[in-house]
Amino acid sequence: MKAMVLPSLGARLELRDAPVPKVGPTDALVRVRAAGVGLTIVIMIEVPGRVTAFPRIPGHELAGEVVGIGSEVTNVRPGDRVTCHFYLTCRACAYCRSGRETLCTAFRGYVGMACDGAYAEYAALPALNLVRIPDGVTDIDAAVAADAIATPYHACREEARIGPGDHVLVVGAGGGVGIHMVQMAKLCGGRVLAADLGDAKLEAAKQAGADDVIDVRQGNLAKQALALTDGRGVDAAIDIVATTATLEGSLAALARAGRLVIIGSRPREVWGVASTFTVDPQVVLNRMLEIHGSRYVTLAEIGQTLELLRQQRIRAVVSRTFPLEAAQDAHDLIRANALVGRAALAIA
């Protein structure tokens, strides 16, 4: 099979011929039809320790067809169209059993990092990580939904707790996760202030439903957000960029009892600078502010996100589609912050 392979930490991807992976007793073999491409992969392949062995086939957002199953698999069967949960978890600890599997105490790593992933014609994956794709949802939309849409679903409902009439600031609103965060916040009833850099990303955020946009190039994120809310501030600020400046600006933009939700991270190993930020505990106490880390999603939330796509209550925003062999080109564009919305690989 053809695969895009990461030969070493931070290296450029290489197109190689690779054997079709063997299926263990609890695995399923998936013929990959589409793979989402996002900043998470670009970051993780440069951070020591995330990829457990080389060479490695990256990619965790996928859609495809089950073509083989292990002897112990009962939840999927050949012919099923599926997407995949990103985390490799134990399914037995208190967190897994309470529906918080992203906090698994026996966490084994990530699809595409601790096992080969979606940048290939076939992938062998734990069958219990797979979620069926409903009829009417395309392969590319389903692949993107597994992270770039499901993550906003969790963040808006469970962490930001957005309700009708809430003012919501989305930082990084024109990116692959942010463009769907705008839609999801609107679906929850929020009035969305979309912040980003560049005319194309701000226009895309408008097209996705943002009520107002904030051009971060004009400076002082908090001041602009306060001006758009008559000085009140926002009920929730969702920061997908997570620089020191955006985190401190998002916190300063909060109204009383506001919630800062941190989605993104910028490891020093990749960006060369720490993204730590300063919190005044007296301000947090007096204004009863909340700071949340929002870490991916549950298996159930992937299924719920796919159902929103099926009902056409949200749409996948994929601005560019690449063939498998051009995966590195997609990575380069993402690294340069040159793409609006999500990118995807179409794998014939």
C-alpha atoms as a PDB file:
ATOM      1  CA  MET A   1       0.000   0.000   0.000  1.00  0.00           C
ATOM      2  CA  LYS A   2       0.982   3.665  -0.364  1.00  0.00           C
ATOM      3  CA  ALA A   3       1.655   5.590   2.821  1.00  0.00           C
ATOM      4  CA  MET A   4       3.102   8.914   3.905  1.00  0.00           C
ATOM      5  CA  VAL A   5       5.714   8.022   6.496  1.00  0.00           C
ATOM      6  CA  LEU A   6       7.418  10.091   9.188  1.00  0.00           C
ATOM      7  CA  PRO A   7      11.008   8.745   9.230  1.00  0.00           C
ATOM      8  CA  SER A   8      12.202  10.597  12.367  1.00  0.00           C
ATOM      9  CA  LEU A   9      11.240  13.310  14.827  1.00  0.00           C
ATOM     10  CA  GLY A  10      10.225  16.487  13.010  1.00  0.00           C
ATOM     11  CA  ALA A  11      11.299  15.145   9.609  1.00  0.00           C
ATOM     12  CA  ARG A  12       9.435  15.735   6.377  1.00  0.00           C
ATOM     13  CA  LEU A  13       6.958  13.067   5.353  1.00  0.00           C
ATOM     14  CA  GLU A  14       8.002  10.553   2.683  1.00  0.00           C
ATOM     15  CA  LEU A  15       5.803   8.620   0.259  1.00  0.00           C
ATOM     16  CA  ARG A  16       6.652   4.923   0.635  1.00  0.00           C
ATOM     17  CA  ASP A  17       5.365   1.495  -0.224  1.00  0.00           C
ATOM     18  CA  ALA A  18       4.394  -0.269   2.994  1.00  0.00           C
ATOM     19  CA  PRO A  19       2.817  -3.629   3.770  1.00  0.00           C
ATOM     20  CA  VAL A  20      -0.888  -3.708   4.508  1.00  0.00           C
ATOM     21  CA  PRO A  21      -1.005  -3.861   8.327  1.00  0.00           C
ATOM     22  CA  LYS A  22      -1.896  -7.090  10.073  1.00  0.00           C
ATOM     23  CA  VAL A  23      -5.004  -7.208  12.216  1.00  0.00           C
ATOM     24  CA  GLY A  24      -4.844  -8.343  15.836  1.00  0.00           C
ATOM     25  CA  PRO A  25      -7.755 -10.105  17.553  1.00  0.00           C
ATOM     26  CA  THR A  26      -9.297  -6.828  18.769  1.00  0.00           C
ATOM     27  CA  ASP A  27      -8.457  -4.744  15.694  1.00  0.00           C
ATOM     28  CA  ALA A  28     -10.228  -3.794  12.484  1.00  0.00           C
ATOM     29  CA  LEU A  29      -8.603  -3.161   9.120  1.00  0.00           C
ATOM     30  CA  VAL A  30      -9.942   0.034   7.532  1.00  0.00           C
ATOM     31  CA  ARG A  31      -9.598   0.999   3.880  1.00  0.00           C
ATOM     32  CA  VAL A  32      -8.950   4.713   4.342  1.00  0.00           C
ATOM     33  CA  ARG A  33     -10.887   7.015   2.018  1.00  0.00           C
ATOM     34  CA  ALA A  34     -10.215  10.401   3.612  1.00  0.00           C
ATOM     35  CA  ALA A  35      -8.002  11.892   6.309  1.00  0.00           C
ATOM     36  CA  GLY A  36      -8.232  15.258   8.005  1.00  0.00           C
ATOM     37  CA  VAL A  37      -5.062  17.323   8.279  1.00  0.00           C
ATOM     38  CA  GLY A  38      -4.695  19.793  11.137  1.00  0.00           C
ATOM     39  CA  LEU A  39      -2.294  21.642  13.375  1.00  0.00           C
ATOM     40  CA  THR A  40      -2.391  18.892  16.018  1.00  0.00           C
ATOM     41  CA  ILE A  41      -0.464  16.530  13.762  1.00  0.00           C
ATOM     42  CA  VAL A  42       1.963  19.227  12.653  1.00  0.00           C
ATOM     43  CA  ILE A  43       2.770  19.999  16.290  1.00  0.00           C
ATOM     44  CA  MET A  44       2.879  16.456  17.631  1.00  0.00           C
ATOM     45  CA  ILE A  45       5.348  15.103  15.103  1.00  0.00           C
ATOM     46  CA  GLU A  46       7.834  17.719  16.340  1.00  0.00           C
ATOM     47  CA  VAL A  47       7.395  17.186  20.089  1.00  0.00           C
ATOM     48  CA  PRO A  48       9.724  14.556  21.611  1.00  0.00           C
ATOM     49  CA  GLY A  49       7.904  11.600  23.107  1.00  0.00           C
ATOM     50  CA  ARG A  50       4.584  11.917  21.296  1.00  0.00           C
ATOM     51  CA  VAL A  51       5.583   9.567  18.457  1.00  0.00           C
ATOM     52  CA  THR A  52       6.607   6.335  20.169  1.00  0.00           C
ATOM     53  CA  ALA A  53       8.577   4.698  17.336  1.00  0.00           C
ATOM     54  CA  PHE A  54       9.892   5.473  13.869  1.00  0.00           C
ATOM     55  CA  PRO A  55       9.106   5.174  11.060  1.00  0.00           C
ATOM     56  CA  ARG A  56       5.492   6.094  11.787  1.00  0.00           C
ATOM     57  CA  ILE A  57       2.420   6.738   9.626  1.00  0.00           C
ATOM     58  CA  PRO A  58       0.657   9.774  11.158  1.00  0.00           C
ATOM     59  CA  GLY A  59      -2.961  10.870  10.908  1.00  0.00           C
ATOM     60  CA  HIS A  60      -5.898  10.443  13.279  1.00  0.00           C
ATOM     61  CA  GLU A  61      -8.878  12.023  11.520  1.00  0.00           C
ATOM     62  CA  LEU A  62     -10.058   9.326   9.129  1.00  0.00           C
ATOM     63  CA  ALA A  63     -13.013   7.901   7.334  1.00  0.00           C
ATOM     64  CA  GLY A  64     -13.094   4.612   5.522  1.00  0.00           C
ATOM     65  CA  GLU A  65     -14.581   1.184   5.162  1.00  0.00           C
ATOM     66  CA  VAL A  66     -13.960  -1.815   7.391  1.00  0.00           C
ATOM     67  CA  VAL A  67     -12.509  -4.607   5.239  1.00  0.00           C
ATOM     68  CA  GLY A  68     -11.395  -7.044   7.936  1.00  0.00           C
ATOM     69  CA  ILE A  69     -11.826  -7.682  11.652  1.00  0.00           C
ATOM     70  CA  GLY A  70     -10.050  -9.632  14.371  1.00  0.00           C
ATOM     71  CA  SER A  71     -11.451 -12.756  15.959  1.00  0.00           C
ATOM     72  CA  GLU A  72     -12.767 -10.942  19.057  1.00  0.00           C
ATOM     73  CA  VAL A  73     -14.384  -7.962  17.333  1.00  0.00           C
ATOM     74  CA  THR A  74     -18.152  -7.600  17.626  1.00  0.00           C
ATOM     75  CA  ASN A  75     -18.880  -3.862  17.374  1.00  0.00           C
ATOM     76  CA  VAL A  76     -18.099  -3.426  13.655  1.00  0.00           C
ATOM     77  CA  ARG A  77     -18.180  -5.668  10.628  1.00  0.00           C
ATOM     78  CA  PRO A  78     -16.805  -5.598   7.068  1.00  0.00           C
ATOM     79  CA  GLY A  79     -18.628  -3.049   4.976  1.00  0.00           C
ATOM     80  CA  ASP A  80     -19.221  -0.570   7.799  1.00  0.00           C
ATOM     81  CA  ARG A  81     -18.153   3.002   7.130  1.00  0.00           C
ATOM     82  CA  VAL A  82     -16.301   4.305  10.179  1.00  0.00           C
ATOM     83  CA  THR A  83     -14.301   7.097  11.689  1.00  0.00           C
ATOM     84  CA  CYS A  84     -11.997   6.888  14.689  1.00  0.00           C
ATOM     85  CA  HIS A  85     -11.403   8.174  18.222  1.00  0.00           C
ATOM     86  CA  PHE A  86      -7.946   9.738  18.570  1.00  0.00           C
ATOM     87  CA  TYR A  87      -6.931   8.413  22.016  1.00  0.00           C
ATOM     88  CA  LEU A  88      -5.745   4.920  22.919  1.00  0.00           C
ATOM     89  CA  THR A  89      -7.280   4.282  26.336  1.00  0.00           C
ATOM     90  CA  CYS A  90      -7.680   1.412  28.784  1.00  0.00           C
ATOM     91  CA  ARG A  91     -11.537   1.547  28.937  1.00  0.00           C
ATOM     92  CA  ALA A  92     -11.357   0.234  32.497  1.00  0.00           C
ATOM     93  CA  CYS A  93     -10.176   3.053  34.780  1.00  0.00           C
ATOM     94  CA  ALA A  94     -12.579   5.303  36.670  1.00  0.00           C
ATOM     95  CA  TYR A  95     -12.272   8.060  34.055  1.00  0.00           C
ATOM     96  CA  CYS A  96     -12.896   5.782  31.078  1.00  0.00           C
ATOM     97  CA  ARG A  97     -15.908   4.223  32.780  1.00  0.00           C
ATOM     98  CA  SER A  98     -17.388   7.607  33.657  1.00  0.00           C
ATOM     99  CA  GLY A  99     -17.235   8.918  30.089  1.00  0.00           C
ATOM    100  CA  ARG A 100     -14.069  10.973  30.577  1.00  0.00           C
ATOM    101  CA  GLU A 101     -11.737   8.739  28.622  1.00  0.00           C
ATOM    102  CA  THR A 102      -9.429  11.602  27.651  1.00  0.00           C
ATOM    103  CA  LEU A 103      -8.234  11.545  31.292  1.00  0.00           C
ATOM    104  CA  CYS A 104      -7.459   7.794  31.198  1.00  0.00           C
ATOM    105  CA  THR A 105      -4.939   6.866  33.891  1.00  0.00           C
ATOM    106  CA  ALA A 106      -3.465   4.100  31.716  1.00  0.00           C
ATOM    107  CA  PHE A 107      -3.330   6.217  28.551  1.00  0.00           C
ATOM    108  CA  ARG A 108      -1.335   4.497  25.778  1.00  0.00           C
ATOM    109  CA  GLY A 109      -0.877   7.410  23.384  1.00  0.00           C
ATOM    110  CA  TYR A 110      -2.519   8.607  20.206  1.00  0.00           C
ATOM    111  CA  VAL A 111      -3.606   7.105  16.894  1.00  0.00           C
ATOM    112  CA  GLY A 112      -0.986   8.133  14.360  1.00  0.00           C
ATOM    113  CA  MET A 113       1.603   8.581  17.121  1.00  0.00           C
ATOM    114  CA  ALA A 114       1.617   5.355  19.183  1.00  0.00           C
ATOM    115  CA  CYS A 115       0.240   3.294  16.300  1.00  0.00           C
ATOM    116  CA  ASP A 116       0.142   3.880  12.572  1.00  0.00           C
ATOM    117  CA  GLY A 117      -2.653   6.125  11.404  1.00  0.00           C
ATOM    118  CA  ALA A 118      -4.614   7.531   8.506  1.00  0.00           C
ATOM    119  CA  TYR A 119      -2.002   8.782   6.031  1.00  0.00           C
ATOM    120  CA  ALA A 120      -2.139   5.472   4.169  1.00  0.00           C
ATOM    121  CA  GLU A 121      -4.436   3.349   2.062  1.00  0.00           C
ATOM    122  CA  TYR A 122      -5.108   1.006   4.997  1.00  0.00           C
ATOM    123  CA  ALA A 123      -4.992   1.330   8.780  1.00  0.00           C
ATOM    124  CA  ALA A 124      -5.303  -1.341  11.475  1.00  0.00           C
ATOM    125  CA  LEU A 125      -6.996   0.200  14.498  1.00  0.00           C
ATOM    126  CA  PRO A 126      -8.528  -0.935  17.781  1.00  0.00           C
ATOM    127  CA  ALA A 127     -12.095  -1.794  16.830  1.00  0.00           C
ATOM    128  CA  LEU A 128     -13.461  -0.187  19.990  1.00  0.00           C
ATOM    129  CA  ASN A 129     -12.068   3.151  18.787  1.00  0.00           C
ATOM    130  CA  LEU A 130     -14.289   3.088  15.718  1.00  0.00           C
ATOM    131  CA  VAL A 131     -17.579   4.941  15.276  1.00  0.00           C
ATOM    132  CA  ARG A 132     -19.999   4.194  12.447  1.00  0.00           C
ATOM    133  CA  ILE A 133     -20.652   6.977   9.940  1.00  0.00           C
ATOM    134  CA  PRO A 134     -24.361   7.555   9.244  1.00  0.00           C
ATOM    135  CA  ASP A 135     -25.697   7.521   5.702  1.00  0.00           C
ATOM    136  CA  GLY A 136     -25.640  10.937   4.094  1.00  0.00           C
ATOM    137  CA  VAL A 137     -22.315  12.036   5.619  1.00  0.00           C
ATOM    138  CA  THR A 138     -19.416  12.095   3.175  1.00  0.00           C
ATOM    139  CA  ASP A 139     -16.038  10.544   3.899  1.00  0.00           C
ATOM    140  CA  ILE A 140     -14.238  13.896   4.024  1.00  0.00           C
ATOM    141  CA  ASP A 141     -16.862  15.440   6.300  1.00  0.00           C
ATOM    142  CA  ALA A 142     -16.775  12.427   8.628  1.00  0.00           C
ATOM    143  CA  ALA A 143     -12.986  12.433   8.823  1.00  0.00           C
ATOM    144  CA  VAL A 144     -12.905  16.103   9.783  1.00  0.00           C
ATOM    145  CA  ALA A 145     -15.764  15.608  12.245  1.00  0.00           C
ATOM    146  CA  ALA A 146     -13.733  13.150  14.328  1.00  0.00           C
ATOM    147  CA  ASP A 147     -11.666  16.004  15.749  1.00  0.00           C
ATOM    148  CA  ALA A 148     -12.168  19.416  14.157  1.00  0.00           C
ATOM    149  CA  ILE A 149     -15.945  19.388  14.677  1.00  0.00           C
ATOM    150  CA  ALA A 150     -16.293  17.043  17.645  1.00  0.00           C
ATOM    151  CA  THR A 151     -13.811  19.080  19.685  1.00  0.00           C
ATOM    152  CA  PRO A 152     -15.952  22.239  19.360  1.00  0.00           C
ATOM    153  CA  TYR A 153     -19.029  20.169  20.214  1.00  0.00           C
ATOM    154  CA  HIS A 154     -17.494  19.135  23.534  1.00  0.00           C
ATOM    155  CA  ALA A 155     -15.956  22.530  24.275  1.00  0.00           C
ATOM    156  CA  CYS A 156     -19.138  24.496  23.680  1.00  0.00           C
ATOM    157  CA  ARG A 157     -21.488  22.148  25.543  1.00  0.00           C
ATOM    158  CA  GLU A 158     -19.432  20.815  28.424  1.00  0.00           C
ATOM    159  CA  GLU A 159     -16.741  23.416  29.126  1.00  0.00           C
ATOM    160  CA  ALA A 160     -18.011  26.806  27.897  1.00  0.00           C
ATOM    161  CA  ARG A 161     -21.629  25.787  28.649  1.00  0.00           C
ATOM    162  CA  ILE A 162     -22.939  28.169  26.030  1.00  0.00           C
ATOM    163  CA  GLY A 163     -26.617  29.030  26.212  1.00  0.00           C
ATOM    164  CA  PRO A 164     -28.959  31.318  24.275  1.00  0.00           C
ATOM    165  CA  GLY A 165     -27.871  34.933  24.492  1.00  0.00           C
ATOM    166  CA  ASP A 166     -24.339  34.259  25.741  1.00  0.00           C
ATOM    167  CA  HIS A 167     -21.543  36.359  24.281  1.00  0.00           C
ATOM    168  CA  VAL A 168     -18.786  34.035  23.063  1.00  0.00           C
ATOM    169  CA  LEU A 169     -15.285  34.983  21.963  1.00  0.00           C
ATOM    170  CA  VAL A 170     -13.567  32.471  19.657  1.00  0.00           C
ATOM    171  CA  VAL A 171      -9.835  33.099  19.247  1.00  0.00           C
ATOM    172  CA  GLY A 172      -8.406  31.499  16.126  1.00  0.00           C
ATOM    173  CA  ALA A 173     -11.841  31.488  14.515  1.00  0.00           C
ATOM    174  CA  GLY A 174     -10.690  31.024  10.927  1.00  0.00           C
ATOM    175  CA  GLY A 175      -8.625  27.876  11.481  1.00  0.00           C
ATOM    176  CA  GLY A 176      -9.553  24.239  11.106  1.00  0.00           C
ATOM    177  CA  VAL A 177     -11.043  23.921  14.601  1.00  0.00           C
ATOM    178  CA  GLY A 178     -12.056  27.552  15.026  1.00  0.00           C
ATOM    179  CA  ILE A 179     -14.276  27.716  11.955  1.00  0.00           C
ATOM    180  CA  HIS A 180     -16.342  24.874  13.394  1.00  0.00           C
ATOM    181  CA  MET A 181     -16.246  26.404  16.891  1.00  0.00           C
ATOM    182  CA  VAL A 182     -18.005  29.454  15.462  1.00  0.00           C
ATOM    183  CA  GLN A 183     -20.761  27.268  14.035  1.00  0.00           C
ATOM    184  CA  MET A 184     -21.110  25.201  17.192  1.00  0.00           C
ATOM    185  CA  ALA A 185     -21.304  28.260  19.453  1.00  0.00           C
ATOM    186  CA  LYS A 186     -24.027  29.659  17.206  1.00  0.00           C
ATOM    187  CA  LEU A 187     -25.873  26.342  17.312  1.00  0.00           C
ATOM    188  CA  CYS A 188     -25.839  26.575  21.120  1.00  0.00           C
ATOM    189  CA  GLY A 189     -27.441  30.010  20.912  1.00  0.00           C
ATOM    190  CA  GLY A 190     -24.393  32.210  21.409  1.00  0.00           C
ATOM    191  CA  ARG A 191     -23.576  35.581  19.927  1.00  0.00           C
ATOM    192  CA  VAL A 192     -20.118  34.954  18.496  1.00  0.00           C
ATOM    193  CA  LEU A 193     -17.186  37.354  18.345  1.00  0.00           C
ATOM    194  CA  ALA A 194     -14.613  35.789  16.011  1.00  0.00           C
ATOM    195  CA  ALA A 195     -10.969  36.802  16.443  1.00  0.00           C
ATOM    196  CA  ASP A 196      -8.165  35.984  14.026  1.00  0.00           C
ATOM    197  CA  LEU A 197      -5.401  37.351  11.817  1.00  0.00           C
ATOM    198  CA  GLY A 198      -5.950  38.049   8.130  1.00  0.00           C
ATOM    199  CA  ASP A 199      -8.854  39.138   5.972  1.00  0.00           C
ATOM    200  CA  ALA A 200      -9.490  35.664   4.515  1.00  0.00           C
ATOM    201  CA  LYS A 201      -9.880  34.032   7.932  1.00  0.00           C
ATOM    202  CA  LEU A 202     -12.091  36.814   9.257  1.00  0.00           C
ATOM    203  CA  GLU A 203     -14.304  36.612   6.194  1.00  0.00           C
ATOM    204  CA  ALA A 204     -14.549  32.838   6.557  1.00  0.00           C
ATOM    205  CA  ALA A 205     -15.611  33.294  10.179  1.00  0.00           C
ATOM    206  CA  LYS A 206     -18.339  35.669   9.030  1.00  0.00           C
ATOM    207  CA  GLN A 207     -19.497  33.129   6.478  1.00  0.00           C
ATOM    208  CA  ALA A 208     -19.593  30.510   9.248  1.00  0.00           C
ATOM    209  CA  GLY A 209     -21.999  32.675  11.230  1.00  0.00           C
ATOM    210  CA  ALA A 210     -19.920  35.013  13.390  1.00  0.00           C
ATOM    211  CA  ASP A 211     -21.882  38.052  14.519  1.00  0.00           C
ATOM    212  CA  ASP A 212     -18.806  40.286  14.798  1.00  0.00           C
ATOM    213  CA  VAL A 213     -15.125  39.875  13.976  1.00  0.00           C
ATOM    214  CA  ILE A 214     -12.022  41.065  15.803  1.00  0.00           C
ATOM    215  CA  ASP A 215      -8.897  41.707  13.753  1.00  0.00           C
ATOM    216  CA  VAL A 216      -6.087  40.861  16.163  1.00  0.00           C
ATOM    217  CA  ARG A 217      -3.689  42.856  13.964  1.00  0.00           C
ATOM    218  CA  GLN A 218      -5.353  45.970  15.381  1.00  0.00           C
ATOM    219  CA  GLY A 219      -4.165  45.026  18.863  1.00  0.00           C
ATOM    220  CA  ASN A 220      -5.689  44.632  22.335  1.00  0.00           C
ATOM    221  CA  LEU A 221      -7.981  41.658  22.004  1.00  0.00           C
ATOM    222  CA  ALA A 222      -9.752  42.337  25.301  1.00  0.00           C
ATOM    223  CA  LYS A 223     -10.403  45.992  24.498  1.00  0.00           C
ATOM    224  CA  GLN A 224     -12.029  45.082  21.188  1.00  0.00           C
ATOM    225  CA  ALA A 225     -14.167  42.369  22.813  1.00  0.00           C
ATOM    226  CA  LEU A 226     -15.297  44.733  25.571  1.00  0.00           C
ATOM    227  CA  ALA A 227     -16.210  47.384  23.008  1.00  0.00           C
ATOM    228  CA  LEU A 228     -18.401  44.897  21.143  1.00  0.00           C
ATOM    229  CA  THR A 229     -20.231  43.959  24.366  1.00  0.00           C
ATOM    230  CA  ASP A 230     -20.799  47.505  25.652  1.00  0.00           C
ATOM    231  CA  GLY A 231     -18.101  46.988  28.267  1.00  0.00           C
ATOM    232  CA  ARG A 232     -19.727  43.919  29.812  1.00  0.00           C
ATOM    233  CA  GLY A 233     -17.357  41.291  28.476  1.00  0.00           C
ATOM    234  CA  VAL A 234     -18.013  37.800  27.150  1.00  0.00           C
ATOM    235  CA  ASP A 235     -19.599  34.895  28.969  1.00  0.00           C
ATOM    236  CA  ALA A 236     -17.134  32.465  27.408  1.00  0.00           C
ATOM    237  CA  ALA A 237     -13.793  32.862  25.660  1.00  0.00           C
ATOM    238  CA  ILE A 238     -12.555  29.830  23.735  1.00  0.00           C
ATOM    239  CA  ASP A 239      -8.866  30.123  22.883  1.00  0.00           C
ATOM    240  CA  ILE A 240      -7.621  27.768  20.188  1.00  0.00           C
ATOM    241  CA  VAL A 241      -4.376  29.686  19.603  1.00  0.00           C
ATOM    242  CA  ALA A 242      -3.128  29.739  23.223  1.00  0.00           C
ATOM    243  CA  THR A 243      -0.282  32.215  23.105  1.00  0.00           C
ATOM    244  CA  THR A 244       0.560  34.271  26.162  1.00  0.00           C
ATOM    245  CA  ALA A 245      -1.076  37.290  24.528  1.00  0.00           C
ATOM    246  CA  THR A 246      -4.292  35.540  23.491  1.00  0.00           C
ATOM    247  CA  LEU A 247      -4.718  33.758  26.820  1.00  0.00           C
ATOM    248  CA  GLU A 248      -4.255  36.923  28.853  1.00  0.00           C
ATOM    249  CA  GLY A 249      -6.477  38.846  26.420  1.00  0.00           C
ATOM    250  CA  SER A 250      -9.199  36.207  26.601  1.00  0.00           C
ATOM    251  CA  LEU A 251      -9.128  36.220  30.398  1.00  0.00           C
ATOM    252  CA  ALA A 252      -9.342  40.016  30.487  1.00  0.00           C
ATOM    253  CA  ALA A 253     -12.307  39.931  28.088  1.00  0.00           C
ATOM    254  CA  LEU A 254     -14.479  37.825  30.411  1.00  0.00           C
ATOM    255  CA  ALA A 255     -17.635  39.132  32.033  1.00  0.00           C
ATOM    256  CA  ARG A 256     -18.450  38.288  35.644  1.00  0.00           C
ATOM    257  CA  ALA A 257     -18.672  34.484  36.045  1.00  0.00           C
ATOM    258  CA  GLY A 258     -17.099  34.120  32.611  1.00  0.00           C
ATOM    259  CA  ARG A 259     -15.408  30.944  31.438  1.00  0.00           C
ATOM    260  CA  LEU A 260     -12.045  30.725  29.683  1.00  0.00           C
ATOM    261  CA  VAL A 261     -11.734  27.475  27.728  1.00  0.00           C
ATOM    262  CA  ILE A 262      -8.260  26.530  26.511  1.00  0.00           C
ATOM    263  CA  ILE A 263      -8.247  24.291  23.441  1.00  0.00           C
ATOM    264  CA  GLY A 264      -4.891  24.892  21.825  1.00  0.00           C
ATOM    265  CA  SER A 265      -1.342  24.515  23.027  1.00  0.00           C
ATOM    266  CA  ARG A 266       1.927  25.816  21.662  1.00  0.00           C
ATOM    267  CA  PRO A 267       4.783  23.637  22.926  1.00  0.00           C
ATOM    268  CA  ARG A 268       8.089  25.405  23.400  1.00  0.00           C
ATOM    269  CA  GLU A 269       9.773  22.597  21.406  1.00  0.00           C
ATOM    270  CA  VAL A 270       7.833  23.648  18.293  1.00  0.00           C
ATOM    271  CA  TRP A 271       7.372  27.409  18.649  1.00  0.00           C
ATOM    272  CA  GLY A 272      10.539  28.302  20.530  1.00  0.00           C
ATOM    273  CA  VAL A 273       8.745  30.258  23.230  1.00  0.00           C
ATOM    274  CA  ALA A 274       6.609  29.289  26.217  1.00  0.00           C
ATOM    275  CA  SER A 275       2.915  30.173  26.164  1.00  0.00           C
ATOM    276  CA  THR A 276       2.480  30.536  29.920  1.00  0.00           C
ATOM    277  CA  PHE A 277       0.268  33.365  31.109  1.00  0.00           C
ATOM    278  CA  THR A 278      -0.317  35.327  34.303  1.00  0.00           C
ATOM    279  CA  VAL A 279      -3.475  34.954  36.390  1.00  0.00           C
ATOM    280  CA  ASP A 280      -4.377  37.332  39.201  1.00  0.00           C
ATOM    281  CA  PRO A 281      -6.153  35.133  41.775  1.00  0.00           C
ATOM    282  CA  GLN A 282      -7.919  38.135  43.289  1.00  0.00           C
ATOM    283  CA  VAL A 283      -9.522  38.982  39.941  1.00  0.00           C
ATOM    284  CA  VAL A 284     -10.534  35.353  39.403  1.00  0.00           C
ATOM    285  CA  LEU A 285     -11.992  35.200  42.909  1.00  0.00           C
ATOM    286  CA  ASN A 286     -13.797  38.538  42.891  1.00  0.00           C
ATOM    287  CA  ARG A 287     -15.283  38.043  39.428  1.00  0.00           C
ATOM    288  CA  MET A 288     -15.862  34.292  39.969  1.00  0.00           C
ATOM    289  CA  LEU A 289     -14.109  33.389  36.744  1.00  0.00           C
ATOM    290  CA  GLU A 290     -13.479  29.837  35.558  1.00  0.00           C
ATOM    291  CA  ILE A 291     -10.534  28.425  33.605  1.00  0.00           C
ATOM    292  CA  HIS A 292     -11.129  25.136  31.790  1.00  0.00           C
ATOM    293  CA  GLY A 293      -8.854  22.834  29.852  1.00  0.00           C
ATOM    294  CA  SER A 294     -10.863  21.118  27.122  1.00  0.00           C
ATOM    295  CA  ARG A 295      -9.178  17.932  26.000  1.00  0.00           C
ATOM    296  CA  TYR A 296     -10.681  16.286  22.916  1.00  0.00           C
ATOM    297  CA  VAL A 297     -13.986  14.349  23.176  1.00  0.00           C
ATOM    298  CA  THR A 298     -15.695  11.121  24.178  1.00  0.00           C
ATOM    299  CA  LEU A 299     -16.643   8.330  21.796  1.00  0.00           C
ATOM    300  CA  ALA A 300     -20.294   9.228  22.292  1.00  0.00           C
ATOM    301  CA  GLU A 301     -19.615  12.841  21.296  1.00  0.00           C
ATOM    302  CA  ILE A 302     -18.154  11.742  17.959  1.00  0.00           C
ATOM    303  CA  GLY A 303     -21.401   9.929  17.215  1.00  0.00           C
ATOM    304  CA  GLN A 304     -23.443  12.965  18.236  1.00  0.00           C
ATOM    305  CA  THR A 305     -21.308  15.225  16.036  1.00  0.00           C
ATOM    306  CA  LEU A 306     -21.826  12.932  13.042  1.00  0.00           C
ATOM    307  CA  GLU A 307     -25.562  13.132  13.651  1.00  0.00           C
ATOM    308  CA  LEU A 308     -25.405  16.942  13.515  1.00  0.00           C
ATOM    309  CA  LEU A 309     -23.695  16.616  10.143  1.00  0.00           C
ATOM    310  CA  ARG A 310     -26.335  14.171   8.949  1.00  0.00           C
ATOM    311  CA  GLN A 311     -29.063  16.597   9.958  1.00  0.00           C
ATOM    312  CA  GLN A 312     -27.156  19.411   8.195  1.00  0.00           C
ATOM    313  CA  ARG A 313     -27.199  21.487  11.365  1.00  0.00           C
ATOM    314  CA  ILE A 314     -23.475  22.061  10.984  1.00  0.00           C
ATOM    315  CA  ARG A 315     -21.189  21.842   7.972  1.00  0.00           C
ATOM    316  CA  ALA A 316     -17.601  20.771   7.567  1.00  0.00           C
ATOM    317  CA  VAL A 317     -15.426  23.586   6.218  1.00  0.00           C
ATOM    318  CA  VAL A 318     -12.651  21.993   4.156  1.00  0.00           C
ATOM    319  CA  SER A 319     -10.948  24.675   2.107  1.00  0.00           C
ATOM    320  CA  ARG A 320      -8.432  22.435   0.335  1.00  0.00           C
ATOM    321  CA  THR A 321      -8.211  18.752  -0.459  1.00  0.00           C
ATOM    322  CA  PHE A 322      -4.889  17.091  -1.287  1.00  0.00           C
ATOM    323  CA  PRO A 323      -3.907  13.673  -2.649  1.00  0.00           C
ATOM    324  CA  LEU A 324      -2.116  11.369  -0.232  1.00  0.00           C
ATOM    325  CA  GLU A 325       1.302  12.137  -1.683  1.00  0.00           C
ATOM    326  CA  ALA A 326       0.827  15.876  -1.027  1.00  0.00           C
ATOM    327  CA  ALA A 327       0.336  15.529   2.741  1.00  0.00           C
ATOM    328  CA  GLN A 328       3.604  17.357   3.401  1.00  0.00           C
ATOM    329  CA  ASP A 329       2.405  20.283   1.289  1.00  0.00           C
ATOM    330  CA  ALA A 330      -0.668  20.500   3.517  1.00  0.00           C
ATOM    331  CA  HIS A 331       1.563  20.436   6.614  1.00  0.00           C
ATOM    332  CA  ASP A 332       3.699  23.258   5.227  1.00  0.00           C
ATOM    333  CA  LEU A 333       0.658  25.450   4.601  1.00  0.00           C
ATOM    334  CA  ILE A 334      -0.722  24.789   8.077  1.00  0.00           C
ATOM    335  CA  ARG A 335       2.653  25.524   9.682  1.00  0.00           C
ATOM    336  CA  ALA A 336       2.680  28.851   7.816  1.00  0.00           C
ATOM    337  CA  ASN A 337      -0.902  29.628   8.978  1.00  0.00           C
ATOM    338  CA  ALA A 338      -1.842  29.884   5.299  1.00  0.00           C
ATOM    339  CA  LEU A 339      -5.036  27.789   5.245  1.00  0.00           C
ATOM    340  CA  VAL A 340      -8.572  28.814   6.071  1.00  0.00           C
ATOM    341  CA  GLY A 341     -10.662  26.081   7.686  1.00  0.00           C
ATOM    342  CA  ARG A 342      -9.582  22.460   7.533  1.00  0.00           C
ATOM    343  CA  ALA A 343      -7.479  20.566   5.000  1.00  0.00           C
ATOM    344  CA  ALA A 344      -8.044  16.936   4.056  1.00  0.00           C
ATOM    345  CA  LEU A 345      -6.477  14.114   2.083  1.00  0.00           C
ATOM    346  CA  ALA A 346      -8.636  12.301  -0.455  1.00  0.00           C
ATOM    347  CA  ILE A 347      -7.271   8.766  -0.657  1.00  0.00           C
ATOM    348  CA  ALA A 348      -8.588   6.878  -3.698  1.00  0.00           C
END
